[in-house]
Amino acid sequence: MCGRYTLTKIDPATLKARFGIDGRLDFDERPRFNIAPTDPVLAVREAADRRREAGRLRWGLLPGAWARNGTRALINARAETIEEQSAYRESFLARRCLIPADGFYEWRRTEHGKQPVWIARADGEPFAFAGIWAALADGDDAPVHSCAIVTCEPNELVRPIHDRMPVILTPEVEGTWIADGEDPAALRELLRPVSADLLEVREVSDAVNDVREDGPHLLEPPLRLF
């Protein structure tokens, strides 16, 4: 799964260039070291004129009327069943997005308990998770725009840590993922684990366990008391 991630490289010019965002990138942003479910997150979608636009989505998919039954928001969508599950199917077919990040957290089991690790590109560059989104009307208020991160089987690097990992899209296929009218079979082919050679794993501070914590200290090596 993917339950916590980072976006620490937030220079607007860099993000616009990296993700092909057209027009103004208007957001009040700071480096974020502990993005958690229900947080507003940066996402890139394709507009009707095929330009890419950036905006805010609530992390935790609320898929239409299905979500009104009191079911909790869905933070992840499994790639293997994304087209079959009613909660995800419509978004997969018609509402896909890129979710910029530069790393994500997992917890590795050790003899001393769970050790948080940060998994990022070895070259330090930002990347995009494959995302889906939905718009849920809320009475007279503006619709709530929400999203989920698609997950897949882990690659060789992540497998010893967790049995799932987020789908990290390579830059060459990001446009295909968010383009309108793409063949579902071609989209499913994109939902694979990224090459393990592109990633590295770093043990980090236990402070990340607290969702209220944020800041570069979360990526510092853990304090060893034994």
Protein backbone atom coordinates (compact mmCIF):
# COMPACT_ATOMS: atom_id res chain seq x y z
CA MET A 1 0.00 0.00 0.00
CA CYS A 2 0.98 3.64 0.14
CA GLY A 3 -0.07 5.43 3.30
CA ARG A 4 2.45 8.24 3.67
CA TYR A 5 4.68 10.10 1.21
CA THR A 6 6.78 13.23 0.65
CA LEU A 7 6.96 16.16 -1.74
CA THR A 8 9.92 18.21 -0.59
CA LYS A 9 10.96 19.73 -3.93
CA ILE A 10 8.27 22.33 -4.46
CA ASP A 11 9.81 25.04 -6.65
CA PRO A 12 6.94 26.01 -9.01
CA ALA A 13 9.17 26.41 -12.07
CA THR A 14 10.72 23.00 -11.51
CA LEU A 15 7.35 21.31 -11.02
CA LYS A 16 5.86 23.00 -14.09
CA ALA A 17 8.75 21.89 -16.25
CA ARG A 18 8.91 18.36 -14.85
CA PHE A 19 5.18 17.60 -15.18
CA GLY A 20 4.36 19.71 -18.24
CA ILE A 21 1.94 21.94 -16.37
CA ASP A 22 0.49 24.73 -18.52
CA GLY A 23 -0.40 28.15 -17.23
CA ARG A 24 -0.06 29.39 -13.70
CA LEU A 25 0.88 27.03 -10.90
CA ASP A 26 -0.98 28.78 -8.11
CA PHE A 27 -0.61 27.11 -4.75
CA ASP A 28 0.55 27.99 -1.29
CA GLU A 29 3.04 25.22 -0.72
CA ARG A 30 5.87 24.31 1.60
CA PRO A 31 8.11 21.28 1.55
CA ARG A 32 6.04 18.39 2.90
CA PHE A 33 7.76 15.49 4.62
CA ASN A 34 4.74 13.59 5.97
CA ILE A 35 1.76 13.68 3.62
CA ALA A 36 -1.03 11.54 5.09
CA PRO A 37 -4.55 10.41 4.11
CA THR A 38 -7.22 13.17 4.14
CA ASP A 39 -4.52 15.79 3.43
CA PRO A 40 -4.95 18.04 0.39
CA VAL A 41 -2.40 16.92 -2.18
CA LEU A 42 -1.03 18.34 -5.41
CA ALA A 43 -2.30 16.54 -8.53
CA VAL A 44 -1.95 17.04 -12.27
CA ARG A 45 -4.89 16.40 -14.58
CA GLU A 46 -5.56 16.84 -18.29
CA ALA A 47 -8.00 19.64 -19.11
CA ALA A 48 -10.60 19.52 -21.89
CA ASP A 49 -8.16 21.28 -24.26
CA ARG A 50 -5.55 18.60 -23.43
CA ARG A 51 -3.37 21.01 -21.47
CA ARG A 52 -2.11 19.83 -18.10
CA GLU A 53 -3.40 21.67 -15.07
CA ALA A 54 -2.41 21.38 -11.42
CA GLY A 55 -4.75 21.56 -8.45
CA ARG A 56 -5.65 20.20 -5.06
CA LEU A 57 -7.34 16.87 -4.35
CA ARG A 58 -8.23 15.36 -1.00
CA TRP A 59 -6.31 12.13 -0.49
CA GLY A 60 -8.96 9.48 0.08
CA LEU A 61 -11.29 8.68 -2.81
CA LEU A 62 -14.99 9.41 -2.31
CA PRO A 63 -16.50 7.73 -5.39
CA GLY A 64 -19.91 9.27 -5.95
CA ALA A 65 -23.07 7.92 -4.34
CA TRP A 66 -21.16 4.81 -3.22
CA ALA A 67 -19.37 6.94 -0.62
CA ARG A 68 -22.56 8.23 0.98
CA ASN A 69 -23.15 4.95 2.78
CA GLY A 70 -20.65 5.86 5.48
CA THR A 71 -17.80 3.91 3.90
CA ARG A 72 -14.44 5.43 4.68
CA ALA A 73 -12.42 7.14 1.97
CA LEU A 74 -10.19 4.89 -0.10
CA ILE A 75 -6.54 5.92 -0.17
CA ASN A 76 -5.29 3.13 -2.48
CA ALA A 77 -6.70 1.27 -5.49
CA ARG A 78 -5.32 -2.14 -6.42
CA ALA A 79 -4.09 -2.24 -10.02
CA GLU A 80 -5.20 -5.85 -10.47
CA THR A 81 -8.89 -5.11 -9.80
CA ILE A 82 -9.18 -1.40 -10.56
CA GLU A 83 -11.44 -1.96 -13.57
CA GLU A 84 -13.64 -4.50 -11.80
CA GLN A 85 -14.33 -2.73 -8.50
CA SER A 86 -17.32 -0.39 -8.65
CA ALA A 87 -15.57 2.09 -6.35
CA TYR A 88 -12.75 2.60 -8.84
CA ARG A 89 -13.98 1.62 -12.29
CA GLU A 90 -15.48 4.95 -13.39
CA SER A 91 -12.48 6.92 -12.17
CA PHE A 92 -10.07 4.52 -13.85
CA LEU A 93 -11.88 4.86 -17.17
CA ALA A 94 -12.44 8.61 -17.12
CA ARG A 95 -10.66 10.44 -14.28
CA ARG A 96 -6.95 9.73 -13.96
CA CYS A 97 -4.25 12.00 -12.59
CA LEU A 98 -0.59 12.29 -11.71
CA ILE A 99 0.30 12.75 -8.05
CA PRO A 100 3.76 14.34 -7.76
CA ALA A 101 6.03 12.98 -5.02
CA ASP A 102 9.71 12.49 -4.29
CA GLY A 103 9.51 9.56 -1.89
CA PHE A 104 7.19 7.34 0.13
CA TYR A 105 7.38 5.62 3.51
CA GLU A 106 7.05 1.99 4.47
CA TRP A 107 7.73 0.12 7.70
CA ARG A 108 10.17 -2.80 7.74
CA ARG A 109 9.80 -5.47 10.42
CA THR A 110 12.93 -5.99 12.51
CA GLU A 111 13.72 -7.85 15.70
CA HIS A 112 13.28 -4.56 17.54
CA GLY A 113 9.93 -3.65 15.98
CA LYS A 114 8.89 -1.74 12.88
CA GLN A 115 11.56 0.49 11.35
CA PRO A 116 10.33 3.27 9.02
CA VAL A 117 12.11 3.56 5.70
CA TRP A 118 11.92 6.17 2.96
CA ILE A 119 11.90 4.91 -0.63
CA ALA A 120 12.89 7.42 -3.30
CA ARG A 121 14.55 7.66 -6.67
CA ALA A 122 18.28 7.08 -6.43
CA ASP A 123 18.90 10.29 -8.40
CA GLY A 124 16.71 12.34 -6.04
CA GLU A 125 14.35 13.49 -8.81
CA PRO A 126 10.60 13.92 -8.28
CA PHE A 127 8.23 11.40 -9.86
CA ALA A 128 4.51 10.75 -10.32
CA PHE A 129 2.25 8.19 -8.71
CA ALA A 130 -0.57 6.89 -10.90
CA GLY A 131 -3.74 8.36 -9.40
CA ILE A 132 -7.48 8.32 -9.96
CA TRP A 133 -9.92 10.99 -8.82
CA ALA A 134 -13.61 11.64 -8.23
CA ALA A 135 -15.89 14.61 -7.59
CA LEU A 136 -18.58 14.16 -4.94
CA ALA A 137 -21.34 16.77 -4.68
CA ASP A 138 -21.93 18.00 -1.14
CA GLY A 139 -25.30 19.76 -1.05
CA ASP A 140 -25.01 23.39 -2.08
CA ASP A 141 -21.27 23.43 -1.46
CA ALA A 142 -18.64 22.91 -4.12
CA PRO A 143 -17.97 19.25 -4.95
CA VAL A 144 -15.28 17.48 -2.98
CA HIS A 145 -12.50 16.44 -5.35
CA SER A 146 -10.70 13.40 -3.98
CA CYS A 147 -8.11 10.89 -5.14
CA ALA A 148 -6.51 7.51 -4.57
CA ILE A 149 -3.04 6.22 -5.40
CA VAL A 150 -2.89 3.06 -7.50
CA THR A 151 -0.80 0.23 -6.05
CA CYS A 152 0.72 -2.88 -7.58
CA GLU A 153 2.89 -5.84 -6.68
CA PRO A 154 6.28 -4.80 -5.28
CA ASN A 155 9.56 -4.88 -7.17
CA GLU A 156 12.61 -6.73 -5.84
CA LEU A 157 13.68 -3.78 -3.69
CA VAL A 158 10.34 -3.30 -1.94
CA ARG A 159 9.27 -6.95 -1.70
CA PRO A 160 11.23 -7.69 1.51
CA ILE A 161 9.55 -4.66 3.12
CA HIS A 162 5.93 -4.83 1.94
CA ASP A 163 3.70 -6.85 -0.38
CA ARG A 164 2.42 -3.74 -2.21
CA MET A 165 3.94 -0.55 -3.60
CA PRO A 166 2.55 2.53 -5.35
CA VAL A 167 2.62 2.61 -9.14
CA ILE A 168 5.39 5.03 -10.08
CA LEU A 169 5.01 6.13 -13.69
CA THR A 170 8.05 6.86 -15.82
CA PRO A 171 7.97 10.27 -17.56
CA GLU A 172 7.45 8.64 -20.97
CA VAL A 173 4.05 7.21 -20.02
CA GLU A 174 2.68 9.95 -17.75
CA GLY A 175 0.90 11.60 -20.69
CA THR A 176 -0.73 8.32 -21.70
CA TRP A 177 -2.04 7.76 -18.17
CA ILE A 178 -3.91 11.05 -17.95
CA ALA A 179 -4.98 11.34 -21.61
CA ASP A 180 -8.70 11.15 -22.31
CA GLY A 181 -9.97 8.25 -24.38
CA GLU A 182 -7.06 5.87 -23.87
CA ASP A 183 -7.68 2.16 -24.37
CA PRO A 184 -8.22 0.49 -20.95
CA ALA A 185 -5.98 -2.40 -21.93
CA ALA A 186 -3.14 0.01 -22.68
CA LEU A 187 -3.70 1.75 -19.36
CA ARG A 188 -3.58 -1.51 -17.43
CA GLU A 189 -0.19 -2.23 -18.99
CA LEU A 190 1.18 0.88 -17.26
CA LEU A 191 0.25 -0.39 -13.79
CA ARG A 192 3.46 -2.30 -13.11
CA PRO A 193 6.19 -1.92 -10.49
CA VAL A 194 8.92 0.51 -11.49
CA SER A 195 12.40 -0.91 -11.99
CA ALA A 196 14.14 -1.52 -8.68
CA ASP A 197 17.31 -0.01 -10.16
CA LEU A 198 15.70 3.44 -10.10
CA LEU A 199 14.99 3.41 -6.36
CA GLU A 200 16.86 3.34 -3.08
CA VAL A 201 15.78 2.66 0.50
CA ARG A 202 16.87 4.70 3.51
CA GLU A 203 16.09 4.06 7.18
CA VAL A 204 14.64 7.20 8.75
CA SER A 205 13.58 8.64 12.08
CA ASP A 206 10.74 7.11 14.11
CA ALA A 207 9.29 10.61 14.27
CA VAL A 208 7.47 9.91 11.00
CA ASN A 209 5.15 7.58 12.93
CA ASP A 210 3.34 10.68 14.20
CA VAL A 211 1.30 12.26 11.36
CA ARG A 212 1.53 15.60 13.15
CA GLU A 213 5.29 15.66 12.63
CA ASP A 214 6.66 17.38 9.55
CA GLY A 215 10.06 18.66 8.51
CA PRO A 216 13.43 17.50 7.18
CA HIS A 217 14.26 15.81 10.49
CA LEU A 218 11.94 12.98 9.46
CA LEU A 219 14.46 11.88 6.84
CA GLU A 220 17.38 11.78 9.26
CA PRO A 221 18.89 8.37 10.14
CA PRO A 222 17.28 6.68 13.17
CA LEU A 223 18.83 7.15 16.59
CA ARG A 224 20.34 3.83 17.67
CA LEU A 225 20.11 3.06 21.38
CA PHE A 226 21.29 -0.54 21.13
